[in-house]
Amino acid sequence: MRRLAVYHEERLLLDGVRLAERPWQRMRGLLFRPCPDERGGLLIQPCNSVHMFGMRYALDVLFLDREGRVLRAVTGLRPWRAAWAPRAHAALELAPGSIERLGIEGGMRLTWREVA
């Protein structure tokens, strides 16, 4: 999987995000993987819903439109739950507490670039 850095305006928020864009990568998500650290996450695209079936830890999830605008922010999504945003194009799964720690709010526009 490709590694990305995520920004708000020009401020670096995360530099260890993995991109899941192939069907198998999107379907597996973070299942059987460790919880992302405070600088990491998983960007799943296309994606407008996530499930936590089989997961062992909670996640924060951001649903983004095609321009990277935050449509919905879900904090502390627990195992065996699901969340969705019908108009979303992507979901960014983060360690619990990341949304608050990074100061992310609805309507913010996030951008990302590949990291070598």
PDB file of N, CA and C in Angstrom:
ATOM      1  N   MET A   1       0.837  -1.182   0.000  1.00  0.00           N
ATOM      2  CA  MET A   1       0.000   0.000   0.000  1.00  0.00           C
ATOM      3  C   MET A   1       0.884   1.248   0.000  1.00  0.00           C
ATOM      4  N   ARG A   2       0.415   2.246  -0.701  1.00  0.00           N
ATOM      5  CA  ARG A   2       1.142   3.510  -0.742  1.00  0.00           C
ATOM      6  C   ARG A   2       0.981   4.256   0.582  1.00  0.00           C
ATOM      7  N   ARG A   3       1.996   5.033   0.937  1.00  0.00           N
ATOM      8  CA  ARG A   3       1.982   5.811   2.177  1.00  0.00           C
ATOM      9  C   ARG A   3       1.736   7.272   1.837  1.00  0.00           C
ATOM     10  N   LEU A   4       0.883   7.925   2.633  1.00  0.00           N
ATOM     11  CA  LEU A   4       0.487   9.300   2.383  1.00  0.00           C
ATOM     12  C   LEU A   4       0.759  10.195   3.584  1.00  0.00           C
ATOM     13  N   ALA A   5       0.912  11.476   3.298  1.00  0.00           N
ATOM     14  CA  ALA A   5       0.915  12.513   4.320  1.00  0.00           C
ATOM     15  C   ALA A   5      -0.379  13.297   4.138  1.00  0.00           C
ATOM     16  N   VAL A   6      -1.059  13.604   5.224  1.00  0.00           N
ATOM     17  CA  VAL A   6      -2.348  14.304   5.185  1.00  0.00           C
ATOM     18  C   VAL A   6      -2.169  15.695   5.779  1.00  0.00           C
ATOM     19  N   TYR A   7      -2.748  16.696   5.084  1.00  0.00           N
ATOM     20  CA  TYR A   7      -2.606  18.099   5.462  1.00  0.00           C
ATOM     21  C   TYR A   7      -3.967  18.769   5.584  1.00  0.00           C
ATOM     22  N   HIS A   8      -4.030  19.793   6.425  1.00  0.00           N
ATOM     23  CA  HIS A   8      -5.137  20.761   6.412  1.00  0.00           C
ATOM     24  C   HIS A   8      -4.476  22.081   6.092  1.00  0.00           C
ATOM     25  N   GLU A   9      -4.897  22.669   4.968  1.00  0.00           N
ATOM     26  CA  GLU A   9      -4.209  23.823   4.427  1.00  0.00           C
ATOM     27  C   GLU A   9      -2.770  23.373   4.230  1.00  0.00           C
ATOM     28  N   GLU A  10      -1.796  23.994   4.789  1.00  0.00           N
ATOM     29  CA  GLU A  10      -0.410  23.512   4.628  1.00  0.00           C
ATOM     30  C   GLU A  10       0.140  22.878   5.896  1.00  0.00           C
ATOM     31  N   ARG A  11      -0.726  22.665   6.881  1.00  0.00           N
ATOM     32  CA  ARG A  11      -0.284  22.083   8.154  1.00  0.00           C
ATOM     33  C   ARG A  11      -0.321  20.560   8.079  1.00  0.00           C
ATOM     34  N   LEU A  12       0.828  19.946   8.318  1.00  0.00           N
ATOM     35  CA  LEU A  12       0.921  18.491   8.316  1.00  0.00           C
ATOM     36  C   LEU A  12       0.172  17.933   9.522  1.00  0.00           C
ATOM     37  N   LEU A  13      -0.795  17.038   9.252  1.00  0.00           N
ATOM     38  CA  LEU A  13      -1.538  16.393  10.339  1.00  0.00           C
ATOM     39  C   LEU A  13      -1.018  14.992  10.614  1.00  0.00           C
ATOM     40  N   LEU A  14      -0.803  14.227   9.547  1.00  0.00           N
ATOM     41  CA  LEU A  14      -0.405  12.825   9.660  1.00  0.00           C
ATOM     42  C   LEU A  14       0.605  12.511   8.557  1.00  0.00           C
ATOM     43  N   ASP A  15       1.594  11.671   8.866  1.00  0.00           N
ATOM     44  CA  ASP A  15       2.551  11.319   7.817  1.00  0.00           C
ATOM     45  C   ASP A  15       2.720   9.814   7.630  1.00  0.00           C
ATOM     46  N   GLY A  16       1.850   9.034   8.261  1.00  0.00           N
ATOM     47  CA  GLY A  16       1.951   7.584   8.149  1.00  0.00           C
ATOM     48  C   GLY A  16       0.649   6.928   7.737  1.00  0.00           C
ATOM     49  N   VAL A  17      -0.102   7.579   6.856  1.00  0.00           N
ATOM     50  CA  VAL A  17      -1.394   7.045   6.420  1.00  0.00           C
ATOM     51  C   VAL A  17      -1.175   6.114   5.234  1.00  0.00           C
ATOM     52  N   ARG A  18      -1.797   4.958   5.267  1.00  0.00           N
ATOM     53  CA  ARG A  18      -1.745   4.005   4.151  1.00  0.00           C
ATOM     54  C   ARG A  18      -2.994   4.188   3.295  1.00  0.00           C
ATOM     55  N   LEU A  19      -2.847   3.973   1.989  1.00  0.00           N
ATOM     56  CA  LEU A  19      -3.958   4.112   1.049  1.00  0.00           C
ATOM     57  C   LEU A  19      -4.459   2.736   0.640  1.00  0.00           C
ATOM     58  N   ALA A  20      -5.739   2.479   0.894  1.00  0.00           N
ATOM     59  CA  ALA A  20      -6.384   1.233   0.479  1.00  0.00           C
ATOM     60  C   ALA A  20      -7.303   1.573  -0.686  1.00  0.00           C
ATOM     61  N   GLU A  21      -6.887   1.221  -1.892  1.00  0.00           N
ATOM     62  CA  GLU A  21      -7.679   1.543  -3.072  1.00  0.00           C
ATOM     63  C   GLU A  21      -8.065   0.320  -3.899  1.00  0.00           C
ATOM     64  N   ARG A  22      -7.414  -0.791  -3.669  1.00  0.00           N
ATOM     65  CA  ARG A  22      -7.774  -2.025  -4.376  1.00  0.00           C
ATOM     66  C   ARG A  22      -8.890  -2.733  -3.604  1.00  0.00           C
ATOM     67  N   PRO A  23      -9.728  -3.487  -4.301  1.00  0.00           N
ATOM     68  CA  PRO A  23     -10.868  -4.121  -3.622  1.00  0.00           C
ATOM     69  C   PRO A  23     -10.495  -4.920  -2.376  1.00  0.00           C
ATOM     70  N   TRP A  24      -9.465  -5.745  -2.448  1.00  0.00           N
ATOM     71  CA  TRP A  24      -9.096  -6.560  -1.288  1.00  0.00           C
ATOM     72  C   TRP A  24      -8.592  -5.675  -0.141  1.00  0.00           C
ATOM     73  N   GLN A  25      -7.807  -4.651  -0.463  1.00  0.00           N
ATOM     74  CA  GLN A  25      -7.304  -3.738   0.561  1.00  0.00           C
ATOM     75  C   GLN A  25      -8.461  -3.014   1.244  1.00  0.00           C
ATOM     76  N   ARG A  26      -9.424  -2.563   0.461  1.00  0.00           N
ATOM     77  CA  ARG A  26     -10.574  -1.846   1.019  1.00  0.00           C
ATOM     78  C   ARG A  26     -11.422  -2.763   1.891  1.00  0.00           C
ATOM     79  N   MET A  27     -11.621  -3.990   1.434  1.00  0.00           N
ATOM     80  CA  MET A  27     -12.455  -4.924   2.183  1.00  0.00           C
ATOM     81  C   MET A  27     -11.795  -5.306   3.517  1.00  0.00           C
ATOM     82  N   ARG A  28     -10.489  -5.514   3.504  1.00  0.00           N
ATOM     83  CA  ARG A  28      -9.781  -5.911   4.728  1.00  0.00           C
ATOM     84  C   ARG A  28      -9.605  -4.741   5.690  1.00  0.00           C
ATOM     85  N   GLY A  29      -9.332  -3.572   5.160  1.00  0.00           N
ATOM     86  CA  GLY A  29      -9.138  -2.412   6.019  1.00  0.00           C
ATOM     87  C   GLY A  29      -8.064  -2.655   7.057  1.00  0.00           C
ATOM     88  N   LEU A  30      -8.370  -2.419   8.312  1.00  0.00           N
ATOM     89  CA  LEU A  30      -7.420  -2.617   9.409  1.00  0.00           C
ATOM     90  C   LEU A  30      -7.630  -3.944  10.139  1.00  0.00           C
ATOM     91  N   LEU A  31      -8.492  -4.795   9.621  1.00  0.00           N
ATOM     92  CA  LEU A  31      -8.742  -6.085  10.254  1.00  0.00           C
ATOM     93  C   LEU A  31      -7.443  -6.888  10.349  1.00  0.00           C
ATOM     94  N   PHE A  32      -7.145  -7.410  11.504  1.00  0.00           N
ATOM     95  CA  PHE A  32      -5.943  -8.195  11.817  1.00  0.00           C
ATOM     96  C   PHE A  32      -4.665  -7.358  11.756  1.00  0.00           C
ATOM     97  N   ARG A  33      -4.799  -6.054  11.837  1.00  0.00           N
ATOM     98  CA  ARG A  33      -3.642  -5.164  11.879  1.00  0.00           C
ATOM     99  C   ARG A  33      -3.679  -4.406  13.206  1.00  0.00           C
ATOM    100  N   PRO A  34      -2.518  -3.930  13.651  1.00  0.00           N
ATOM    101  CA  PRO A  34      -2.516  -3.158  14.899  1.00  0.00           C
ATOM    102  C   PRO A  34      -3.214  -1.811  14.710  1.00  0.00           C
ATOM    103  N   CYS A  35      -3.668  -1.249  15.792  1.00  0.00           N
ATOM    104  CA  CYS A  35      -4.292   0.069  15.767  1.00  0.00           C
ATOM    105  C   CYS A  35      -3.277   1.087  15.241  1.00  0.00           C
ATOM    106  N   PRO A  36      -3.705   1.999  14.380  1.00  0.00           N
ATOM    107  CA  PRO A  36      -2.762   3.013  13.893  1.00  0.00           C
ATOM    108  C   PRO A  36      -2.212   3.839  15.056  1.00  0.00           C
ATOM    109  N   ASP A  37      -0.962   4.296  14.898  1.00  0.00           N
ATOM    110  CA  ASP A  37      -0.410   5.176  15.921  1.00  0.00           C
ATOM    111  C   ASP A  37      -0.912   6.590  15.682  1.00  0.00           C
ATOM    112  N   GLU A  38      -0.458   7.533  16.491  1.00  0.00           N
ATOM    113  CA  GLU A  38      -0.995   8.898  16.417  1.00  0.00           C
ATOM    114  C   GLU A  38      -0.631   9.631  15.137  1.00  0.00           C
ATOM    115  N   ARG A  39       0.299   9.110  14.360  1.00  0.00           N
ATOM    116  CA  ARG A  39       0.687   9.747  13.097  1.00  0.00           C
ATOM    117  C   ARG A  39       0.190   8.988  11.877  1.00  0.00           C
ATOM    118  N   GLY A  40      -0.532   7.882  12.113  1.00  0.00           N
ATOM    119  CA  GLY A  40      -0.939   7.027  11.013  1.00  0.00           C
ATOM    120  C   GLY A  40      -2.437   6.899  10.868  1.00  0.00           C
ATOM    121  N   GLY A  41      -2.829   6.046   9.926  1.00  0.00           N
ATOM    122  CA  GLY A  41      -4.233   5.780   9.661  1.00  0.00           C
ATOM    123  C   GLY A  41      -4.368   5.007   8.368  1.00  0.00           C
ATOM    124  N   LEU A  42      -5.588   4.849   7.929  1.00  0.00           N
ATOM    125  CA  LEU A  42      -5.872   4.167   6.672  1.00  0.00           C
ATOM    126  C   LEU A  42      -6.917   4.972   5.918  1.00  0.00           C
ATOM    127  N   LEU A  43      -6.566   5.393   4.700  1.00  0.00           N
ATOM    128  CA  LEU A  43      -7.496   6.092   3.822  1.00  0.00           C
ATOM    129  C   LEU A  43      -8.058   5.072   2.851  1.00  0.00           C
ATOM    130  N   ILE A  44      -9.363   4.874   2.904  1.00  0.00           N
ATOM    131  CA  ILE A  44     -10.038   3.902   2.050  1.00  0.00           C
ATOM    132  C   ILE A  44     -10.844   4.677   1.017  1.00  0.00           C
ATOM    133  N   GLN A  45     -10.556   4.411  -0.275  1.00  0.00           N
ATOM    134  CA  GLN A  45     -11.331   5.078  -1.328  1.00  0.00           C
ATOM    135  C   GLN A  45     -11.456   4.184  -2.538  1.00  0.00           C
ATOM    136  N   PRO A  46     -12.606   4.142  -3.161  1.00  0.00           N
ATOM    137  CA  PRO A  46     -13.847   4.762  -2.738  1.00  0.00           C
ATOM    138  C   PRO A  46     -14.446   4.029  -1.536  1.00  0.00           C
ATOM    139  N   CYS A  47     -15.155   4.782  -0.702  1.00  0.00           N
ATOM    140  CA  CYS A  47     -15.747   4.197   0.499  1.00  0.00           C
ATOM    141  C   CYS A  47     -16.719   5.184   1.121  1.00  0.00           C
ATOM    142  N   ASN A  48     -17.940   4.726   1.404  1.00  0.00           N
ATOM    143  CA  ASN A  48     -18.886   5.591   2.113  1.00  0.00           C
ATOM    144  C   ASN A  48     -19.437   4.935   3.379  1.00  0.00           C
ATOM    145  N   SER A  49     -18.865   3.764   3.739  1.00  0.00           N
ATOM    146  CA  SER A  49     -19.272   3.110   4.983  1.00  0.00           C
ATOM    147  C   SER A  49     -18.130   2.231   5.490  1.00  0.00           C
ATOM    148  N   VAL A  50     -18.082   2.069   6.798  1.00  0.00           N
ATOM    149  CA  VAL A  50     -17.098   1.174   7.409  1.00  0.00           C
ATOM    150  C   VAL A  50     -17.810   0.330   8.457  1.00  0.00           C
ATOM    151  N   HIS A  51     -17.272  -0.856   8.675  1.00  0.00           N
ATOM    152  CA  HIS A  51     -17.797  -1.704   9.746  1.00  0.00           C
ATOM    153  C   HIS A  51     -16.635  -2.113  10.636  1.00  0.00           C
ATOM    154  N   MET A  52     -16.960  -2.439  11.854  1.00  0.00           N
ATOM    155  CA  MET A  52     -15.954  -2.818  12.839  1.00  0.00           C
ATOM    156  C   MET A  52     -16.111  -4.276  13.260  1.00  0.00           C
ATOM    157  N   PHE A  53     -16.736  -5.077  12.416  1.00  0.00           N
ATOM    158  CA  PHE A  53     -16.945  -6.484  12.734  1.00  0.00           C
ATOM    159  C   PHE A  53     -15.599  -7.208  12.769  1.00  0.00           C
ATOM    160  N   GLY A  54     -15.306  -7.839  13.897  1.00  0.00           N
ATOM    161  CA  GLY A  54     -14.054  -8.563  14.069  1.00  0.00           C
ATOM    162  C   GLY A  54     -12.908  -7.707  14.589  1.00  0.00           C
ATOM    163  N   MET A  55     -13.125  -6.428  14.752  1.00  0.00           N
ATOM    164  CA  MET A  55     -12.060  -5.547  15.237  1.00  0.00           C
ATOM    165  C   MET A  55     -11.914  -5.690  16.747  1.00  0.00           C
ATOM    166  N   ARG A  56     -10.710  -5.358  17.240  1.00  0.00           N
ATOM    167  CA  ARG A  56     -10.437  -5.473  18.671  1.00  0.00           C
ATOM    168  C   ARG A  56     -10.236  -4.124  19.341  1.00  0.00           C
ATOM    169  N   TYR A  57     -10.341  -3.051  18.595  1.00  0.00           N
ATOM    170  CA  TYR A  57     -10.137  -1.725  19.154  1.00  0.00           C
ATOM    171  C   TYR A  57     -11.060  -0.736  18.454  1.00  0.00           C
ATOM    172  N   ALA A  58     -11.279   0.397  19.096  1.00  0.00           N
ATOM    173  CA  ALA A  58     -12.117   1.453  18.530  1.00  0.00           C
ATOM    174  C   ALA A  58     -11.281   2.316  17.585  1.00  0.00           C
ATOM    175  N   LEU A  59     -11.967   3.069  16.730  1.00  0.00           N
ATOM    176  CA  LEU A  59     -11.318   3.986  15.787  1.00  0.00           C
ATOM    177  C   LEU A  59     -12.100   5.289  15.702  1.00  0.00           C
ATOM    178  N   ASP A  60     -11.416   6.344  15.323  1.00  0.00           N
ATOM    179  CA  ASP A  60     -12.065   7.563  14.860  1.00  0.00           C
ATOM    180  C   ASP A  60     -12.132   7.451  13.338  1.00  0.00           C
ATOM    181  N   VAL A  61     -13.232   7.885  12.748  1.00  0.00           N
ATOM    182  CA  VAL A  61     -13.409   7.777  11.297  1.00  0.00           C
ATOM    183  C   VAL A  61     -13.877   9.114  10.736  1.00  0.00           C
ATOM    184  N   LEU A  62     -13.222   9.545   9.674  1.00  0.00           N
ATOM    185  CA  LEU A  62     -13.636  10.736   8.933  1.00  0.00           C
ATOM    186  C   LEU A  62     -14.158  10.300   7.578  1.00  0.00           C
ATOM    187  N   PHE A  63     -15.335  10.765   7.221  1.00  0.00           N
ATOM    188  CA  PHE A  63     -15.877  10.523   5.894  1.00  0.00           C
ATOM    189  C   PHE A  63     -15.671  11.798   5.078  1.00  0.00           C
ATOM    190  N   LEU A  64     -15.071  11.643   3.902  1.00  0.00           N
ATOM    191  CA  LEU A  64     -14.663  12.769   3.074  1.00  0.00           C
ATOM    192  C   LEU A  64     -15.352  12.734   1.714  1.00  0.00           C
ATOM    193  N   ASP A  65     -15.629  13.922   1.154  1.00  0.00           N
ATOM    194  CA  ASP A  65     -16.168  13.972  -0.208  1.00  0.00           C
ATOM    195  C   ASP A  65     -15.008  13.917  -1.210  1.00  0.00           C
ATOM    196  N   ARG A  66     -15.298  14.049  -2.494  1.00  0.00           N
ATOM    197  CA  ARG A  66     -14.263  13.951  -3.531  1.00  0.00           C
ATOM    198  C   ARG A  66     -13.198  15.042  -3.435  1.00  0.00           C
ATOM    199  N   GLU A  67     -13.533  16.159  -2.813  1.00  0.00           N
ATOM    200  CA  GLU A  67     -12.571  17.252  -2.653  1.00  0.00           C
ATOM    201  C   GLU A  67     -11.828  17.177  -1.319  1.00  0.00           C
ATOM    202  N   GLY A  68     -12.092  16.149  -0.526  1.00  0.00           N
ATOM    203  CA  GLY A  68     -11.414  15.987   0.756  1.00  0.00           C
ATOM    204  C   GLY A  68     -12.075  16.716   1.908  1.00  0.00           C
ATOM    205  N   ARG A  69     -13.278  17.240   1.705  1.00  0.00           N
ATOM    206  CA  ARG A  69     -13.999  17.922   2.782  1.00  0.00           C
ATOM    207  C   ARG A  69     -14.601  16.907   3.744  1.00  0.00           C
ATOM    208  N   VAL A  70     -14.493  17.204   5.023  1.00  0.00           N
ATOM    209  CA  VAL A  70     -15.034  16.316   6.053  1.00  0.00           C
ATOM    210  C   VAL A  70     -16.553  16.448   6.060  1.00  0.00           C
ATOM    211  N   LEU A  71     -17.231  15.364   5.693  1.00  0.00           N
ATOM    212  CA  LEU A  71     -18.693  15.317   5.703  1.00  0.00           C
ATOM    213  C   LEU A  71     -19.222  14.853   7.054  1.00  0.00           C
ATOM    214  N   ARG A  72     -18.491  13.931   7.664  1.00  0.00           N
ATOM    215  CA  ARG A  72     -18.924  13.365   8.947  1.00  0.00           C
ATOM    216  C   ARG A  72     -17.695  12.908   9.713  1.00  0.00           C
ATOM    217  N   ALA A  73     -17.689  13.163  11.004  1.00  0.00           N
ATOM    218  CA  ALA A  73     -16.619  12.709  11.886  1.00  0.00           C
ATOM    219  C   ALA A  73     -17.233  11.814  12.956  1.00  0.00           C
ATOM    220  N   VAL A  74     -16.726  10.602  13.063  1.00  0.00           N
ATOM    221  CA  VAL A  74     -17.221   9.636  14.045  1.00  0.00           C
ATOM    222  C   VAL A  74     -16.092   9.356  15.025  1.00  0.00           C
ATOM    223  N   THR A  75     -16.316   9.683  16.281  1.00  0.00           N
ATOM    224  CA  THR A  75     -15.281   9.449  17.291  1.00  0.00           C
ATOM    225  C   THR A  75     -15.569   8.166  18.054  1.00  0.00           C
ATOM    226  N   GLY A  76     -14.507   7.409  18.289  1.00  0.00           N
ATOM    227  CA  GLY A  76     -14.609   6.211  19.124  1.00  0.00           C
ATOM    228  C   GLY A  76     -15.571   5.157  18.607  1.00  0.00           C
ATOM    229  N   LEU A  77     -15.532   4.889  17.301  1.00  0.00           N
ATOM    230  CA  LEU A  77     -16.385   3.826  16.744  1.00  0.00           C
ATOM    231  C   LEU A  77     -15.888   2.492  17.287  1.00  0.00           C
ATOM    232  N   ARG A  78     -16.727   1.830  18.065  1.00  0.00           N
ATOM    233  CA  ARG A  78     -16.345   0.615  18.787  1.00  0.00           C
ATOM    234  C   ARG A  78     -16.485  -0.638  17.916  1.00  0.00           C
ATOM    235  N   PRO A  79     -15.783  -1.707  18.312  1.00  0.00           N
ATOM    236  CA  PRO A  79     -15.938  -2.985  17.607  1.00  0.00           C
ATOM    237  C   PRO A  79     -17.405  -3.408  17.531  1.00  0.00           C
ATOM    238  N   TRP A  80     -17.731  -4.080  16.441  1.00  0.00           N
ATOM    239  CA  TRP A  80     -19.059  -4.616  16.172  1.00  0.00           C
ATOM    240  C   TRP A  80     -20.093  -3.519  15.900  1.00  0.00           C
ATOM    241  N   ARG A  81     -19.622  -2.351  15.467  1.00  0.00           N
ATOM    242  CA  ARG A  81     -20.501  -1.263  15.060  1.00  0.00           C
ATOM    243  C   ARG A  81     -20.205  -0.906  13.607  1.00  0.00           C
ATOM    244  N   ALA A  82     -21.030  -0.042  13.028  1.00  0.00           N
ATOM    245  CA  ALA A  82     -20.816   0.423  11.655  1.00  0.00           C
ATOM    246  C   ALA A  82     -21.159   1.904  11.588  1.00  0.00           C
ATOM    247  N   ALA A  83     -20.626   2.571  10.580  1.00  0.00           N
ATOM    248  CA  ALA A  83     -20.926   3.987  10.354  1.00  0.00           C
ATOM    249  C   ALA A  83     -20.885   4.241   8.854  1.00  0.00           C
ATOM    250  N   TRP A  84     -21.631   5.274   8.421  1.00  0.00           N
ATOM    251  CA  TRP A  84     -21.666   5.584   6.991  1.00  0.00           C
ATOM    252  C   TRP A  84     -22.000   7.051   6.785  1.00  0.00           C
ATOM    253  N   ALA A  85     -21.719   7.482   5.566  1.00  0.00           N
ATOM    254  CA  ALA A  85     -22.080   8.827   5.112  1.00  0.00           C
ATOM    255  C   ALA A  85     -22.383   8.678   3.628  1.00  0.00           C
ATOM    256  N   PRO A  86     -23.662   8.700   3.250  1.00  0.00           N
ATOM    257  CA  PRO A  86     -24.066   8.366   1.882  1.00  0.00           C
ATOM    258  C   PRO A  86     -23.342   9.128   0.766  1.00  0.00           C
ATOM    259  N   ARG A  87     -22.981  10.395   0.992  1.00  0.00           N
ATOM    260  CA  ARG A  87     -22.334  11.167  -0.071  1.00  0.00           C
ATOM    261  C   ARG A  87     -20.808  11.092  -0.032  1.00  0.00           C
ATOM    262  N   ALA A  88     -20.258  10.314   0.875  1.00  0.00           N
ATOM    263  CA  ALA A  88     -18.799  10.245   1.023  1.00  0.00           C
ATOM    264  C   ALA A  88     -18.152   9.495  -0.132  1.00  0.00           C
ATOM    265  N   HIS A  89     -16.936   9.895  -0.421  1.00  0.00           N
ATOM    266  CA  HIS A  89     -16.111   9.219  -1.426  1.00  0.00           C
ATOM    267  C   HIS A  89     -14.974   8.432  -0.769  1.00  0.00           C
ATOM    268  N   ALA A  90     -14.609   8.811   0.453  1.00  0.00           N
ATOM    269  CA  ALA A  90     -13.499   8.159   1.140  1.00  0.00           C
ATOM    270  C   ALA A  90     -13.747   8.150   2.640  1.00  0.00           C
ATOM    271  N   ALA A  91     -13.073   7.212   3.307  1.00  0.00           N
ATOM    272  CA  ALA A  91     -13.098   7.137   4.770  1.00  0.00           C
ATOM    273  C   ALA A  91     -11.661   7.104   5.260  1.00  0.00           C
ATOM    274  N   LEU A  92     -11.374   7.898   6.258  1.00  0.00           N
ATOM    275  CA  LEU A  92     -10.049   7.929   6.861  1.00  0.00           C
ATOM    276  C   LEU A  92     -10.175   7.387   8.279  1.00  0.00           C
ATOM    277  N   GLU A  93      -9.599   6.212   8.505  1.00  0.00           N
ATOM    278  CA  GLU A  93      -9.648   5.563   9.815  1.00  0.00           C
ATOM    279  C   GLU A  93      -8.405   5.957  10.612  1.00  0.00           C
ATOM    280  N   LEU A  94      -8.644   6.406  11.847  1.00  0.00           N
ATOM    281  CA  LEU A  94      -7.575   6.942  12.685  1.00  0.00           C
ATOM    282  C   LEU A  94      -7.622   6.326  14.078  1.00  0.00           C
ATOM    283  N   ALA A  95      -6.521   6.462  14.802  1.00  0.00           N
ATOM    284  CA  ALA A  95      -6.484   6.022  16.207  1.00  0.00           C
ATOM    285  C   ALA A  95      -7.525   6.787  17.001  1.00  0.00           C
ATOM    286  N   PRO A  96      -8.119   6.153  18.012  1.00  0.00           N
ATOM    287  CA  PRO A  96      -9.102   6.847  18.840  1.00  0.00           C
ATOM    288  C   PRO A  96      -8.504   8.112  19.459  1.00  0.00           C
ATOM    289  N   GLY A  97      -9.287   9.173  19.458  1.00  0.00           N
ATOM    290  CA  GLY A  97      -8.844  10.441  20.013  1.00  0.00           C
ATOM    291  C   GLY A  97      -8.171  11.354  19.001  1.00  0.00           C
ATOM    292  N   SER A  98      -7.913  10.863  17.801  1.00  0.00           N
ATOM    293  CA  SER A  98      -7.192  11.644  16.787  1.00  0.00           C
ATOM    294  C   SER A  98      -7.981  12.847  16.301  1.00  0.00           C
ATOM    295  N   ILE A  99      -9.287  12.698  16.129  1.00  0.00           N
ATOM    296  CA  ILE A  99     -10.089  13.812  15.614  1.00  0.00           C
ATOM    297  C   ILE A  99      -9.990  15.005  16.555  1.00  0.00           C
ATOM    298  N   GLU A 100     -10.149  14.761  17.845  1.00  0.00           N
ATOM    299  CA  GLU A 100     -10.053  15.848  18.822  1.00  0.00           C
ATOM    300  C   GLU A 100      -8.623  16.382  18.909  1.00  0.00           C
ATOM    301  N   ARG A 101      -7.649  15.484  18.975  1.00  0.00           N
ATOM    302  CA  ARG A 101      -6.248  15.893  19.121  1.00  0.00           C
ATOM    303  C   ARG A 101      -5.789  16.754  17.949  1.00  0.00           C
ATOM    304  N   LEU A 102      -6.250  16.432  16.732  1.00  0.00           N
ATOM    305  CA  LEU A 102      -5.846  17.173  15.540  1.00  0.00           C
ATOM    306  C   LEU A 102      -6.733  18.387  15.269  1.00  0.00           C
ATOM    307  N   GLY A 103      -7.823  18.522  16.022  1.00  0.00           N
ATOM    308  CA  GLY A 103      -8.715  19.662  15.833  1.00  0.00           C
ATOM    309  C   GLY A 103      -9.500  19.616  14.532  1.00  0.00           C
ATOM    310  N   ILE A 104      -9.850  18.422  14.090  1.00  0.00           N
ATOM    311  CA  ILE A 104     -10.581  18.263  12.822  1.00  0.00           C
ATOM    312  C   ILE A 104     -12.072  18.472  13.071  1.00  0.00           C
ATOM    313  N   GLU A 105     -12.681  19.258  12.195  1.00  0.00           N
ATOM    314  CA  GLU A 105     -14.112  19.558  12.300  1.00  0.00           C
ATOM    315  C   GLU A 105     -14.778  19.371  10.954  1.00  0.00           C
ATOM    316  N   GLY A 106     -16.099  19.208  10.985  1.00  0.00           N
ATOM    317  CA  GLY A 106     -16.877  19.098   9.761  1.00  0.00           C
ATOM    318  C   GLY A 106     -16.649  20.295   8.858  1.00  0.00           C
ATOM    319  N   GLY A 107     -16.535  20.048   7.556  1.00  0.00           N
ATOM    320  CA  GLY A 107     -16.331  21.111   6.585  1.00  0.00           C
ATOM    321  C   GLY A 107     -14.877  21.404   6.286  1.00  0.00           C
ATOM    322  N   MET A 108     -13.946  20.972   7.146  1.00  0.00           N
ATOM    323  CA  MET A 108     -12.525  21.187   6.866  1.00  0.00           C
ATOM    324  C   MET A 108     -12.146  20.423   5.606  1.00  0.00           C
ATOM    325  N   ARG A 109     -11.214  20.957   4.847  1.00  0.00           N
ATOM    326  CA  ARG A 109     -10.750  20.282   3.642  1.00  0.00           C
ATOM    327  C   ARG A 109      -9.355  19.725   3.894  1.00  0.00           C
ATOM    328  N   LEU A 110      -9.237  18.411   3.731  1.00  0.00           N
ATOM    329  CA  LEU A 110      -7.960  17.727   3.893  1.00  0.00           C
ATOM    330  C   LEU A 110      -7.392  17.401   2.518  1.00  0.00           C
ATOM    331  N   THR A 111      -6.085  17.454   2.409  1.00  0.00           N
ATOM    332  CA  THR A 111      -5.405  17.033   1.189  1.00  0.00           C
ATOM    333  C   THR A 111      -4.355  16.002   1.576  1.00  0.00           C
ATOM    334  N   TRP A 112      -3.873  15.244   0.606  1.00  0.00           N
ATOM    335  CA  TRP A 112      -2.856  14.247   0.886  1.00  0.00           C
ATOM    336  C   TRP A 112      -1.904  14.138  -0.296  1.00  0.00           C
ATOM    337  N   ARG A 113      -0.689  13.758   0.035  1.00  0.00           N
ATOM    338  CA  ARG A 113       0.375  13.563  -0.947  1.00  0.00           C
ATOM    339  C   ARG A 113       1.103  12.275  -0.612  1.00  0.00           C
ATOM    340  N   GLU A 114       1.576  11.613  -1.645  1.00  0.00           N
ATOM    341  CA  GLU A 114       2.320  10.391  -1.440  1.00  0.00           C
ATOM    342  C   GLU A 114       3.681  10.710  -0.811  1.00  0.00           C
ATOM    343  N   VAL A 115       4.101   9.864   0.125  1.00  0.00           N
ATOM    344  CA  VAL A 115       5.391   9.997   0.800  1.00  0.00           C
ATOM    345  C   VAL A 115       6.315   8.947   0.210  1.00  0.00           C
ATOM    346  N   ALA A 116       7.514   9.366  -0.123  1.00  0.00           N
ATOM    347  CA  ALA A 116       8.498   8.424  -0.726  1.00  0.00           C
ATOM    348  C   ALA A 116       8.977   7.408   0.277  1.00  0.00           C
TER     349      ALA A 116
END
